[in-house]
Protein backbone atom coordinates (compact mmCIF):
# COMPACT_ATOMS: atom_id res chain seq x y z
CA MET A 1 -5.59 -10.29 -30.53
CA ASP A 2 -5.26 -6.59 -29.68
CA ILE A 3 -8.73 -6.64 -27.77
CA LEU A 4 -6.88 -9.72 -25.15
CA ILE A 5 -4.07 -7.68 -24.87
CA TRP A 6 -5.10 -4.75 -23.10
CA VAL A 7 -8.17 -6.38 -21.45
CA LEU A 8 -5.72 -8.51 -19.78
CA ILE A 9 -3.92 -4.43 -19.69
CA ILE A 10 -7.16 -2.87 -17.69
CA ALA A 11 -7.65 -5.94 -15.24
CA SER A 12 -4.18 -6.14 -14.32
CA PHE A 13 -5.25 -1.94 -13.25
CA ALA A 14 -7.72 -2.96 -12.16
CA ALA A 15 -6.94 -5.00 -9.91
CA SER A 16 -3.86 -3.03 -8.78
CA PHE A 17 -7.04 -1.04 -7.14
CA ALA A 18 -8.54 -4.05 -6.34
CA SER A 19 -5.61 -5.02 -3.81
CA VAL A 20 -6.53 -2.42 -1.71
CA ILE A 21 -9.61 -3.78 -1.04
CA PHE A 22 -7.77 -7.22 -0.49
CA PRO A 23 -4.58 -7.26 0.99
CA ILE A 24 -3.71 -10.43 -0.94
CA ILE A 25 -3.09 -9.49 -4.49
CA PRO A 26 -0.77 -7.75 -4.88
CA GLY A 27 -0.76 -4.16 -6.07
CA PRO A 28 2.32 -3.50 -7.50
CA LEU A 29 2.96 -6.83 -8.77
CA VAL A 30 -0.47 -7.05 -10.98
CA LEU A 31 0.29 -2.59 -11.95
CA TRP A 32 3.37 -3.66 -13.22
CA ILE A 33 2.17 -6.77 -15.65
CA GLY A 34 -0.10 -4.35 -17.50
CA PHE A 35 2.95 -2.28 -17.67
CA LEU A 36 4.66 -4.86 -19.29
CA ILE A 37 2.35 -6.12 -21.65
CA TYR A 38 1.80 -3.57 -23.33
CA PHE A 39 5.85 -2.96 -23.32
CA PHE A 40 6.25 -6.39 -24.66
CA PHE A 41 3.72 -7.17 -26.87
CA VAL A 42 1.78 -3.86 -27.14
CA ASP A 43 4.41 -0.92 -28.26
CA GLY A 44 7.54 -0.93 -25.83
CA ASN A 45 8.18 2.23 -27.42
CA GLU A 46 5.87 4.38 -26.67
CA LEU A 47 6.89 4.18 -22.83
CA SER A 48 9.65 6.80 -22.38
CA ILE A 49 12.91 6.93 -19.77
CA PHE A 50 11.20 8.70 -17.79
CA PHE A 51 8.29 7.00 -17.25
CA TRP A 52 9.45 3.82 -16.35
CA ILE A 53 12.14 5.68 -13.59
CA GLY A 54 9.17 7.40 -12.44
CA ALA A 55 7.10 3.99 -11.92
CA VAL A 56 10.48 2.40 -10.71
CA VAL A 57 10.05 5.25 -8.04
CA LEU A 58 6.47 5.87 -7.37
CA THR A 59 6.45 1.56 -6.78
CA ILE A 60 9.06 1.94 -3.91
CA LEU A 61 6.93 4.73 -2.59
CA LEU A 62 4.22 2.55 -3.27
CA ILE A 63 4.73 -0.11 -1.74
CA ILE A 64 6.67 1.27 1.78
CA SER A 65 3.18 4.01 1.99
CA ASP A 66 1.15 1.56 4.21
CA ILE A 67 4.44 1.08 6.88
CA ILE A 68 5.80 5.06 6.60
CA ALA A 69 2.05 6.00 7.00
CA ASN A 70 1.75 3.49 9.93
CA SER A 71 4.89 4.53 11.80
CA TYR A 72 4.47 8.93 11.74
CA PHE A 73 0.45 8.45 12.91
CA VAL A 74 1.12 5.32 15.44
CA LYS A 75 3.87 8.50 16.57
CA ARG A 76 2.18 11.62 16.15
CA TYR A 77 -0.17 10.05 18.31
CA GLY A 78 1.73 8.99 21.24
CA GLY A 79 3.45 5.95 20.23
CA SER A 80 6.37 4.75 21.47
CA LYS A 81 9.17 3.18 19.34
CA TRP A 82 7.94 -0.05 19.63
CA GLY A 83 4.51 0.58 19.44
CA GLU A 84 6.17 2.46 15.28
CA ARG A 85 7.47 -1.56 15.11
CA ALA A 86 4.85 -2.96 16.20
CA ALA A 87 3.00 -0.90 14.12
CA ALA A 88 5.09 -1.72 10.58
CA VAL A 89 5.40 -5.70 11.49
CA GLY A 90 0.92 -5.18 11.82
CA VAL A 91 0.79 -3.80 8.51
CA ILE A 92 2.59 -6.17 7.21
CA VAL A 93 1.04 -9.36 9.12
CA GLY A 94 -2.04 -8.17 8.55
CA SER A 95 -2.12 -8.67 4.99
CA PHE A 96 -2.00 -12.06 5.46
CA ILE A 97 -4.34 -12.48 8.14
CA ILE A 98 -8.15 -11.74 7.71
CA PRO A 99 -7.91 -9.77 4.60
CA PRO A 100 -9.04 -7.02 4.33
CA PHE A 101 -10.12 -6.65 7.93
CA GLY A 102 -6.92 -7.88 9.67
CA ILE A 103 -4.38 -5.10 7.92
CA LEU A 104 -7.52 -2.97 10.09
CA VAL A 105 -7.18 -5.47 13.47
CA VAL A 106 -3.81 -7.06 14.02
CA PRO A 107 -1.15 -3.28 13.90
CA PHE A 108 -4.29 -2.39 16.40
CA VAL A 109 -4.39 -5.29 18.69
CA LEU A 110 -0.24 -5.02 18.42
CA VAL A 111 0.31 -1.45 19.21
CA ILE A 112 -1.96 -1.19 22.16
CA ILE A 113 -0.41 -4.68 23.99
CA VAL A 114 3.64 -3.06 23.14
CA GLU A 115 2.34 -0.23 24.57
CA LEU A 116 0.35 -1.67 27.16
CA VAL A 117 4.00 -4.35 28.09
CA GLN A 118 5.75 -1.43 28.46
CA LYS A 119 3.61 0.09 31.27
CA ARG A 120 1.32 2.60 30.01
CA GLU A 121 -1.55 3.59 30.62
CA SER A 122 -4.29 1.87 28.24
CA GLN A 123 -6.16 5.57 27.65
CA ASP A 124 -2.34 5.95 25.39
CA ALA A 125 -1.79 2.82 24.79
CA LEU A 126 -5.63 3.03 22.45
CA LYS A 127 -4.51 6.73 21.65
CA ALA A 128 -1.59 4.98 20.22
CA ALA A 129 -3.35 2.56 18.43
CA VAL A 130 -5.98 4.75 17.00
CA GLY A 131 -2.10 6.02 15.67
CA SER A 132 -2.22 3.49 13.74
CA LEU A 133 -5.44 3.32 12.39
CA PHE A 134 -5.17 6.19 10.64
CA GLY A 135 -2.27 6.05 9.61
CA PHE A 136 -3.58 2.40 7.95
CA LEU A 137 -6.42 5.30 6.61
CA SER A 138 -3.67 7.66 5.35
CA GLY A 139 -2.07 4.93 4.03
CA THR A 140 -4.40 3.63 1.71
CA ALA A 141 -5.01 7.13 0.26
CA ALA A 142 -1.88 7.82 -0.61
CA LYS A 143 -1.55 3.76 -2.06
CA ILE A 144 -5.40 5.00 -4.21
CA VAL A 145 -3.83 8.14 -5.20
CA ILE A 146 0.03 6.41 -6.48
CA THR A 147 -1.63 4.20 -7.91
CA LEU A 148 -4.49 6.47 -9.67
CA ILE A 149 -1.85 8.16 -10.87
CA MET A 150 0.87 5.76 -12.75
CA VAL A 151 -2.71 4.49 -14.62
CA ILE A 152 -2.74 8.31 -15.58
CA TRP A 153 0.65 8.63 -16.55
CA PHE A 154 0.46 5.35 -18.56
CA PHE A 155 -2.17 6.43 -20.34
CA ILE A 156 -0.54 9.75 -20.87
CA ASP A 157 2.88 8.82 -22.39
CA ILE A 158 0.88 6.53 -24.41
């Protein structure tokens, strides 16, 4: 029985990392499923309150990392406020359209469209859209690092 429980915990951690490539997998949720399986079926007392508080904070950061990164880079590359908002909406919508490529393509296309609708030069619109790609890549890197921190912290705490 212990082996099955540990297989489920490790599988949930692996699925959380797989969510970076397949955004249809809810990464933070499956990560928490692993934590909760351990808590309820192995030994919940081993995980400290400090771990749980840190896990909640990191989970919030994990969820919003794509949106924050996209908005930051669109703005940095000269995008408008509406371009930032389009990038944020594109990340969310793109998660459901043509996974995993939608999360790259949808924000890129939306930023170009929004910037062009605002009568911006096509070169400036393209530059802001490239910012959304950098935002996606940095958001993905942040998700990998945050998930890794949470998993390592889990094993250190137990």
